[in-house]
């Protein structure tokens, strides 16, 4: 089993991890109710997807 010959510094390891970032999800406006939703998914506010009502949302 291979072992490292020398200890790598903390800086060297942290330099490698600088690109591990969270990305913001791609939110778009729903064409039916104009609220923000994830793309390619049913709108949680109105239940529409691609102009068709997929699920019925109970109104308060």
Protein backbone atom coordinates (compact mmCIF):
# COMPACT_ATOMS: atom_id res chain seq x y z
CA UNK A 1 0.00 0.00 0.00
CA UNK A 2 1.42 3.39 -1.01
CA UNK A 3 2.14 5.96 1.70
CA UNK A 4 3.01 9.64 1.31
CA UNK A 5 6.71 10.38 1.80
CA UNK A 6 6.06 13.79 3.37
CA UNK A 7 3.15 15.54 5.05
CA UNK A 8 1.27 17.94 2.80
CA UNK A 9 0.68 21.37 4.26
CA UNK A 10 -2.80 22.59 5.21
CA UNK A 11 -2.52 25.33 2.59
CA UNK A 12 -1.86 22.83 -0.19
CA UNK A 13 -4.93 20.79 0.70
CA UNK A 14 -7.10 23.90 1.05
CA UNK A 15 -5.96 25.20 -2.35
CA UNK A 16 -7.28 22.00 -3.89
CA UNK A 17 -10.66 22.41 -2.16
CA UNK A 18 -11.29 26.04 -3.20
CA UNK A 19 -13.57 24.89 -6.01
CA UNK A 20 -15.90 22.86 -3.76
CA UNK A 21 -18.75 25.36 -3.64
CA UNK A 22 -22.51 25.17 -3.45
CA UNK A 23 -24.23 26.43 -6.57
CA UNK A 24 -27.47 28.38 -6.55
CA UNK A 25 -30.39 26.35 -8.00
CA UNK A 26 -31.72 27.44 -11.39
CA UNK A 27 -34.94 29.20 -10.47
CA UNK A 28 -37.32 30.51 -13.14
CA UNK A 29 -40.67 32.31 -13.07
CA UNK A 30 -43.75 30.16 -13.50
CA UNK A 31 -45.55 31.35 -16.66
CA UNK A 32 -48.93 30.75 -15.01
CA UNK A 33 -48.64 32.31 -11.52
CA UNK A 34 -45.26 34.14 -11.86
CA UNK A 35 -43.77 32.66 -8.67
CA UNK A 36 -40.25 31.22 -8.59
CA UNK A 37 -39.90 27.49 -9.19
CA UNK A 38 -37.22 25.00 -10.18
CA UNK A 39 -36.99 24.46 -13.93
CA UNK A 40 -38.50 21.29 -15.43
CA UNK A 41 -40.69 20.73 -12.36
CA UNK A 42 -44.34 21.26 -11.44
CA UNK A 43 -45.01 24.64 -9.83
CA UNK A 44 -45.69 24.12 -6.10
CA UNK A 45 -47.96 27.20 -6.00
CA UNK A 46 -50.38 26.52 -8.85
CA UNK A 47 -49.68 22.89 -9.90
CA UNK A 48 -49.09 23.73 -13.57
CA UNK A 49 -46.36 22.37 -15.85
CA UNK A 50 -45.95 23.40 -19.51
CA UNK A 51 -49.34 25.12 -19.51
CA UNK A 52 -51.27 22.12 -18.21
CA UNK A 53 -52.66 21.55 -14.73
CA UNK A 54 -50.93 18.44 -13.41
CA UNK A 55 -51.96 18.49 -9.74
CA UNK A 56 -54.81 20.30 -8.03
CA UNK A 57 -53.73 22.63 -5.24
CA UNK A 58 -56.20 23.14 -2.38
CA UNK A 59 -56.86 26.82 -1.79
CA UNK A 60 -56.95 28.19 1.76
